[in-house]
PDB file of N, CA and C in Angstrom:
ATOM      1  N   MET A   1     -11.898-118.421  45.448  1.00  0.00           N
ATOM      2  CA  MET A   1     -11.512-117.410  44.018  1.00  0.00           C
ATOM      3  C   MET A   1      -9.909-117.811  43.237  1.00  0.00           C
ATOM      4  N   LYS A   2      -9.267-117.997  44.279  1.00  0.00           N
ATOM      5  CA  LYS A   2      -8.000-117.833  43.771  1.00  0.00           C
ATOM      6  C   LYS A   2      -7.570-119.455  43.202  1.00  0.00           C
ATOM      7  N   ALA A   3      -8.598-120.542  43.832  1.00  0.00           N
ATOM      8  CA  ALA A   3      -7.808-121.694  43.291  1.00  0.00           C
ATOM      9  C   ALA A   3      -8.834-121.957  42.058  1.00  0.00           C
ATOM     10  N   GLU A   4     -10.124-121.631  42.013  1.00  0.00           N
ATOM     11  CA  GLU A   4     -10.519-121.394  40.843  1.00  0.00           C
ATOM     12  C   GLU A   4      -9.777-120.630  39.418  1.00  0.00           C
ATOM     13  N   GLY A   5      -9.067-119.551  39.645  1.00  0.00           N
ATOM     14  CA  GLY A   5      -8.100-119.176  39.037  1.00  0.00           C
ATOM     15  C   GLY A   5      -7.179-119.944  38.023  1.00  0.00           C
ATOM     16  N   ALA A   6      -6.770-120.307  39.588  1.00  0.00           N
ATOM     17  CA  ALA A   6      -5.284-121.475  39.055  1.00  0.00           C
ATOM     18  C   ALA A   6      -6.075-122.716  38.603  1.00  0.00           C
ATOM     19  N   GLU A   7      -7.363-122.940  38.298  1.00  0.00           N
ATOM     20  CA  GLU A   7      -7.759-124.081  37.414  1.00  0.00           C
ATOM     21  C   GLU A   7      -8.081-123.758  36.192  1.00  0.00           C
ATOM     22  N   GLY A   8      -8.390-122.856  35.974  1.00  0.00           N
ATOM     23  CA  GLY A   8      -8.546-121.647  34.889  1.00  0.00           C
ATOM     24  C   GLY A   8      -6.917-121.934  34.096  1.00  0.00           C
ATOM     25  N   ALA A   9      -5.980-121.405  34.808  1.00  0.00           N
ATOM     26  CA  ALA A   9      -4.956-121.507  34.475  1.00  0.00           C
ATOM     27  C   ALA A   9      -4.092-122.962  33.272  1.00  0.00           C
ATOM     28  N   GLU A  10      -4.527-123.610  34.804  1.00  0.00           N
ATOM     29  CA  GLU A  10      -4.280-124.899  34.065  1.00  0.00           C
ATOM     30  C   GLU A  10      -5.067-125.373  32.769  1.00  0.00           C
ATOM     31  N   GLY A  11      -6.204-124.941  32.676  1.00  0.00           N
ATOM     32  CA  GLY A  11      -7.122-125.308  31.709  1.00  0.00           C
ATOM     33  C   GLY A  11      -6.697-124.818  30.270  1.00  0.00           C
ATOM     34  N   ALA A  12      -6.378-123.221  30.566  1.00  0.00           N
ATOM     35  CA  ALA A  12      -5.300-122.383  29.168  1.00  0.00           C
ATOM     36  C   ALA A  12      -4.052-123.716  28.956  1.00  0.00           C
ATOM     37  N   GLY A  13      -3.302-123.824  29.778  1.00  0.00           N
ATOM     38  CA  GLY A  13      -2.162-124.459  29.620  1.00  0.00           C
ATOM     39  C   GLY A  13      -2.407-125.686  29.038  1.00  0.00           C
ATOM     40  N   GLY A  14      -3.497-126.519  29.286  1.00  0.00           N
ATOM     41  CA  GLY A  14      -4.203-128.110  28.225  1.00  0.00           C
ATOM     42  C   GLY A  14      -4.320-127.497  27.505  1.00  0.00           C
ATOM     43  N   ALA A  15      -4.907-126.675  26.890  1.00  0.00           N
ATOM     44  CA  ALA A  15      -5.282-125.832  25.618  1.00  0.00           C
ATOM     45  C   ALA A  15      -4.311-125.724  24.936  1.00  0.00           C
ATOM     46  N   GLU A  16      -3.570-124.877  25.253  1.00  0.00           N
ATOM     47  CA  GLU A  16      -2.389-124.701  24.514  1.00  0.00           C
ATOM     48  C   GLU A  16      -1.660-125.899  24.090  1.00  0.00           C
ATOM     49  N   GLY A  17      -1.481-127.039  25.535  1.00  0.00           N
ATOM     50  CA  GLY A  17      -0.836-128.593  25.151  1.00  0.00           C
ATOM     51  C   GLY A  17      -1.238-129.082  23.798  1.00  0.00           C
ATOM     52  N   ALA A  18      -2.804-129.129  23.829  1.00  0.00           N
ATOM     53  CA  ALA A  18      -3.559-130.154  22.684  1.00  0.00           C
ATOM     54  C   ALA A  18      -3.313-129.287  21.520  1.00  0.00           C
ATOM     55  N   GLU A  19      -3.197-127.693  21.384  1.00  0.00           N
ATOM     56  CA  GLU A  19      -2.940-126.995  20.390  1.00  0.00           C
ATOM     57  C   GLU A  19      -1.279-127.716  19.497  1.00  0.00           C
ATOM     58  N   GLY A  20      -0.580-127.827  20.511  1.00  0.00           N
ATOM     59  CA  GLY A  20       0.718-127.836  20.075  1.00  0.00           C
ATOM     60  C   GLY A  20       0.982-129.160  19.990  1.00  0.00           C
ATOM     61  N   ALA A  21       0.187-129.805  20.425  1.00  0.00           N
ATOM     62  CA  ALA A  21       0.374-131.152  19.600  1.00  0.00           C
ATOM     63  C   ALA A  21      -0.554-131.531  17.904  1.00  0.00           C
ATOM     64  N   GLU A  22      -1.438-130.935  17.934  1.00  0.00           N
ATOM     65  CA  GLU A  22      -2.140-130.821  16.756  1.00  0.00           C
ATOM     66  C   GLU A  22      -1.235-130.053  15.838  1.00  0.00           C
ATOM     67  N   GLY A  23      -0.640-129.356  16.140  1.00  0.00           N
ATOM     68  CA  GLY A  23       0.590-128.745  14.999  1.00  0.00           C
ATOM     69  C   GLY A  23       1.487-129.724  14.816  1.00  0.00           C
ATOM     70  N   ALA A  24       2.196-130.467  15.928  1.00  0.00           N
ATOM     71  CA  ALA A  24       3.121-131.173  15.723  1.00  0.00           C
ATOM     72  C   ALA A  24       2.493-132.318  14.418  1.00  0.00           C
ATOM     73  N   GLU A  25       1.055-132.870  15.180  1.00  0.00           N
ATOM     74  CA  GLU A  25       0.809-134.010  14.201  1.00  0.00           C
ATOM     75  C   GLU A  25       0.509-133.075  12.257  1.00  0.00           C
ATOM     76  N   GLY A  26       0.467-131.883  12.697  1.00  0.00           N
ATOM     77  CA  GLY A  26       0.285-131.404  11.103  1.00  0.00           C
ATOM     78  C   GLY A  26       1.537-131.507  10.425  1.00  0.00           C
ATOM     79  N   ALA A  27       2.767-131.344  11.130  1.00  0.00           N
ATOM     80  CA  ALA A  27       4.218-131.229  10.799  1.00  0.00           C
ATOM     81  C   ALA A  27       4.386-132.619  10.544  1.00  0.00           C
ATOM     82  N   GLU A  28       4.368-133.531  11.092  1.00  0.00           N
ATOM     83  CA  GLU A  28       4.396-134.514  11.003  1.00  0.00           C
ATOM     84  C   GLU A  28       3.616-134.787   9.522  1.00  0.00           C
ATOM     85  N   GLY A  29       2.292-134.759   9.247  1.00  0.00           N
ATOM     86  CA  GLY A  29       1.662-134.855   8.232  1.00  0.00           C
ATOM     87  C   GLY A  29       2.552-134.810   6.636  1.00  0.00           C
ATOM     88  N   ALA A  30       2.759-133.557   7.079  1.00  0.00           N
ATOM     89  CA  ALA A  30       3.661-132.966   5.816  1.00  0.00           C
ATOM     90  C   ALA A  30       4.998-133.417   5.410  1.00  0.00           C
ATOM     91  N   GLU A  31       5.298-133.882   6.476  1.00  0.00           N
ATOM     92  CA  GLU A  31       6.878-134.481   6.330  1.00  0.00           C
ATOM     93  C   GLU A  31       6.690-136.192   5.872  1.00  0.00           C
ATOM     94  N   GLY A  32       5.439-136.383   5.964  1.00  0.00           N
ATOM     95  CA  GLY A  32       5.296-137.682   5.374  1.00  0.00           C
ATOM     96  C   GLY A  32       4.830-137.569   3.856  1.00  0.00           C
ATOM     97  N   ALA A  33       4.208-136.572   3.774  1.00  0.00           N
ATOM     98  CA  ALA A  33       3.472-135.819   2.158  1.00  0.00           C
ATOM     99  C   ALA A  33       5.194-135.618   1.273  1.00  0.00           C
ATOM    100  N   GLU A  34       6.111-135.177   2.126  1.00  0.00           N
ATOM    101  CA  GLU A  34       7.717-134.606   1.126  1.00  0.00           C
ATOM    102  C   GLU A  34       8.051-136.256   1.203  1.00  0.00           C
ATOM    103  N   GLY A  35       8.065-137.258   1.875  1.00  0.00           N
ATOM    104  CA  GLY A  35       8.625-138.070   1.607  1.00  0.00           C
ATOM    105  C   GLY A  35       8.070-138.940   0.241  1.00  0.00           C
ATOM    106  N   ASP A  36       6.824-139.048   0.523  1.00  0.00           N
ATOM    107  CA  ASP A  36       6.014-139.694  -0.823  1.00  0.00           C
ATOM    108  C   ASP A  36       6.361-139.047  -1.836  1.00  0.00           C
ATOM    109  N   ARG A  37       6.287-137.524  -1.711  1.00  0.00           N
ATOM    110  CA  ARG A  37       6.954-136.586  -3.177  1.00  0.00           C
ATOM    111  C   ARG A  37       8.448-137.458  -3.305  1.00  0.00           C
ATOM    112  N   GLU A  38       9.486-137.061  -2.387  1.00  0.00           N
ATOM    113  CA  GLU A  38      10.606-137.800  -2.718  1.00  0.00           C
ATOM    114  C   GLU A  38      10.696-139.048  -3.154  1.00  0.00           C
ATOM    115  N   LYS A  39       9.686-139.872  -3.117  1.00  0.00           N
ATOM    116  CA  LYS A  39       9.724-141.169  -3.352  1.00  0.00           C
ATOM    117  C   LYS A  39       9.660-141.430  -4.686  1.00  0.00           C
ATOM    118  N   ASN A  40       8.477-140.802  -4.975  1.00  0.00           N
ATOM    119  CA  ASN A  40       7.999-140.500  -6.564  1.00  0.00           C
ATOM    120  C   ASN A  40       8.964-139.692  -7.603  1.00  0.00           C
ATOM    121  N   LEU A  41       9.764-138.995  -6.936  1.00  0.00           N
ATOM    122  CA  LEU A  41      10.691-138.080  -7.594  1.00  0.00           C
ATOM    123  C   LEU A  41      11.828-139.315  -8.095  1.00  0.00           C
ATOM    124  N   LEU A  42      12.414-140.085  -6.835  1.00  0.00           N
ATOM    125  CA  LEU A  42      13.218-141.037  -7.629  1.00  0.00           C
ATOM    126  C   LEU A  42      12.807-142.247  -8.236  1.00  0.00           C
ATOM    127  N   HIS A  43      11.464-142.931  -7.930  1.00  0.00           N
ATOM    128  CA  HIS A  43      11.144-144.009  -9.110  1.00  0.00           C
ATOM    129  C   HIS A  43      10.765-143.493 -10.368  1.00  0.00           C
ATOM    130  N   SER A  44      10.708-141.882 -10.556  1.00  0.00           N
ATOM    131  CA  SER A  44      10.579-141.490 -11.462  1.00  0.00           C
ATOM    132  C   SER A  44      11.882-141.741 -12.698  1.00  0.00           C
ATOM    133  N   PHE A  45      12.622-140.652 -11.507  1.00  0.00           N
ATOM    134  CA  PHE A  45      14.222-140.724 -12.363  1.00  0.00           C
ATOM    135  C   PHE A  45      15.166-142.112 -12.532  1.00  0.00           C
ATOM    136  N   SER A  46      14.639-142.772 -11.852  1.00  0.00           N
ATOM    137  CA  SER A  46      14.818-144.335 -12.089  1.00  0.00           C
ATOM    138  C   SER A  46      14.714-144.646 -13.545  1.00  0.00           C
ATOM    139  N   TRP A  47      13.225-144.356 -13.712  1.00  0.00           N
ATOM    140  CA  TRP A  47      13.286-145.138 -15.202  1.00  0.00           C
ATOM    141  C   TRP A  47      13.304-143.867 -16.415  1.00  0.00           C
ATOM    142  N   VAL A  48      13.771-142.654 -16.065  1.00  0.00           N
ATOM    143  CA  VAL A  48      14.309-142.234 -17.297  1.00  0.00           C
ATOM    144  C   VAL A  48      15.614-142.425 -17.189  1.00  0.00           C
ATOM    145  N   THR A  49      16.671-142.851 -16.168  1.00  0.00           N
ATOM    146  CA  THR A  49      17.931-142.777 -16.289  1.00  0.00           C
ATOM    147  C   THR A  49      17.922-144.570 -16.675  1.00  0.00           C
ATOM    148  N   ALA A  50      16.929-145.360 -17.005  1.00  0.00           N
ATOM    149  CA  ALA A  50      17.121-146.701 -17.034  1.00  0.00           C
ATOM    150  C   ALA A  50      16.665-146.862 -18.708  1.00  0.00           C
ATOM    151  N   LEU A  51      15.507-145.994 -19.194  1.00  0.00           N
ATOM    152  CA  LEU A  51      15.533-145.714 -20.354  1.00  0.00           C
ATOM    153  C   LEU A  51      16.393-144.930 -21.168  1.00  0.00           C
ATOM    154  N   ARG A  52      17.335-144.112 -20.618  1.00  0.00           N
ATOM    155  CA  ARG A  52      18.307-143.599 -21.217  1.00  0.00           C
ATOM    156  C   ARG A  52      19.836-144.219 -21.574  1.00  0.00           C
ATOM    157  N   LEU A  53      19.842-145.172 -20.452  1.00  0.00           N
ATOM    158  CA  LEU A  53      21.002-146.142 -20.581  1.00  0.00           C
ATOM    159  C   LEU A  53      20.572-147.288 -21.767  1.00  0.00           C
ATOM    160  N   ALA A  54      19.424-147.619 -21.925  1.00  0.00           N
ATOM    161  CA  ALA A  54      18.802-148.257 -22.912  1.00  0.00           C
ATOM    162  C   ALA A  54      19.265-148.123 -24.352  1.00  0.00           C
ATOM    163  N   SER A  55      18.738-146.676 -24.267  1.00  0.00           N
ATOM    164  CA  SER A  55      18.548-146.292 -25.850  1.00  0.00           C
ATOM    165  C   SER A  55      20.277-146.022 -25.866  1.00  0.00           C
ATOM    166  N   GLU A  56      21.041-145.698 -25.339  1.00  0.00           N
ATOM    167  CA  GLU A  56      22.542-145.503 -25.281  1.00  0.00           C
ATOM    168  C   GLU A  56      23.487-146.896 -26.030  1.00  0.00           C
ATOM    169  N   THR A  57      23.043-148.236 -25.535  1.00  0.00           N
ATOM    170  CA  THR A  57      23.122-149.257 -25.766  1.00  0.00           C
ATOM    171  C   THR A  57      22.585-149.751 -27.099  1.00  0.00           C
ATOM    172  N   LEU A  58      21.331-149.279 -27.335  1.00  0.00           N
ATOM    173  CA  LEU A  58      20.767-150.162 -28.826  1.00  0.00           C
ATOM    174  C   LEU A  58      21.634-149.528 -29.783  1.00  0.00           C
ATOM    175  N   PRO A  59      21.715-150.897 -30.721  1.00  0.00           N
ATOM    176  CA  PRO A  59      22.248-150.234 -32.055  1.00  0.00           C
ATOM    177  C   PRO A  59      21.629-149.182 -33.091  1.00  0.00           C
ATOM    178  N   ASN A  60      22.547-148.867 -33.482  1.00  0.00           N
ATOM    179  CA  ASN A  60      21.548-147.392 -34.345  1.00  0.00           C
ATOM    180  C   ASN A  60      20.985-147.640 -35.017  1.00  0.00           C
ATOM    181  N   SER A  61      20.562-148.845 -35.703  1.00  0.00           N
ATOM    182  CA  SER A  61      19.397-149.212 -36.675  1.00  0.00           C
ATOM    183  C   SER A  61      17.999-149.314 -35.575  1.00  0.00           C
ATOM    184  N   GLN A  62      17.954-149.546 -34.561  1.00  0.00           N
ATOM    185  CA  GLN A  62      17.214-149.854 -33.651  1.00  0.00           C
ATOM    186  C   GLN A  62      16.479-148.853 -32.923  1.00  0.00           C
ATOM    187  N   LYS A  63      17.346-147.750 -33.223  1.00  0.00           N
ATOM    188  CA  LYS A  63      17.120-146.289 -32.342  1.00  0.00           C
ATOM    189  C   LYS A  63      16.149-145.299 -33.142  1.00  0.00           C
ATOM    190  N   THR A  64      15.984-145.309 -34.324  1.00  0.00           N
ATOM    191  CA  THR A  64      15.244-145.004 -35.151  1.00  0.00           C
ATOM    192  C   THR A  64      13.989-145.606 -36.538  1.00  0.00           C
ATOM    193  N   ASN A  65      13.190-145.231 -37.003  1.00  0.00           N
ATOM    194  CA  ASN A  65      12.575-146.090 -37.711  1.00  0.00           C
ATOM    195  C   ASN A  65      13.226-145.474 -39.046  1.00  0.00           C
ATOM    196  N   ASP A  66      13.900-144.018 -39.401  1.00  0.00           N
ATOM    197  CA  ASP A  66      14.597-144.128 -40.427  1.00  0.00           C
ATOM    198  C   ASP A  66      15.463-145.053 -40.800  1.00  0.00           C
ATOM    199  N   LYS A  67      15.493-145.303 -42.135  1.00  0.00           N
ATOM    200  CA  LYS A  67      16.310-146.737 -42.852  1.00  0.00           C
ATOM    201  C   LYS A  67      17.241-145.948 -44.303  1.00  0.00           C
TER     202      LYS A  67
END
């Protein structure tokens, strides 16, 4: 009886460990998604900055179609 009880406790501990591992895996997935989001934001920011700099360096006649 005591041995079976200990075995049951070990099984419960193993289940908790597996659950913890799944939680850690989920956290890693969320971290990966955050990294992708940051990369996309940086890429967008780079394009906006490049376009803004390009528009500042164009002569006034090329900025608008008004003549």
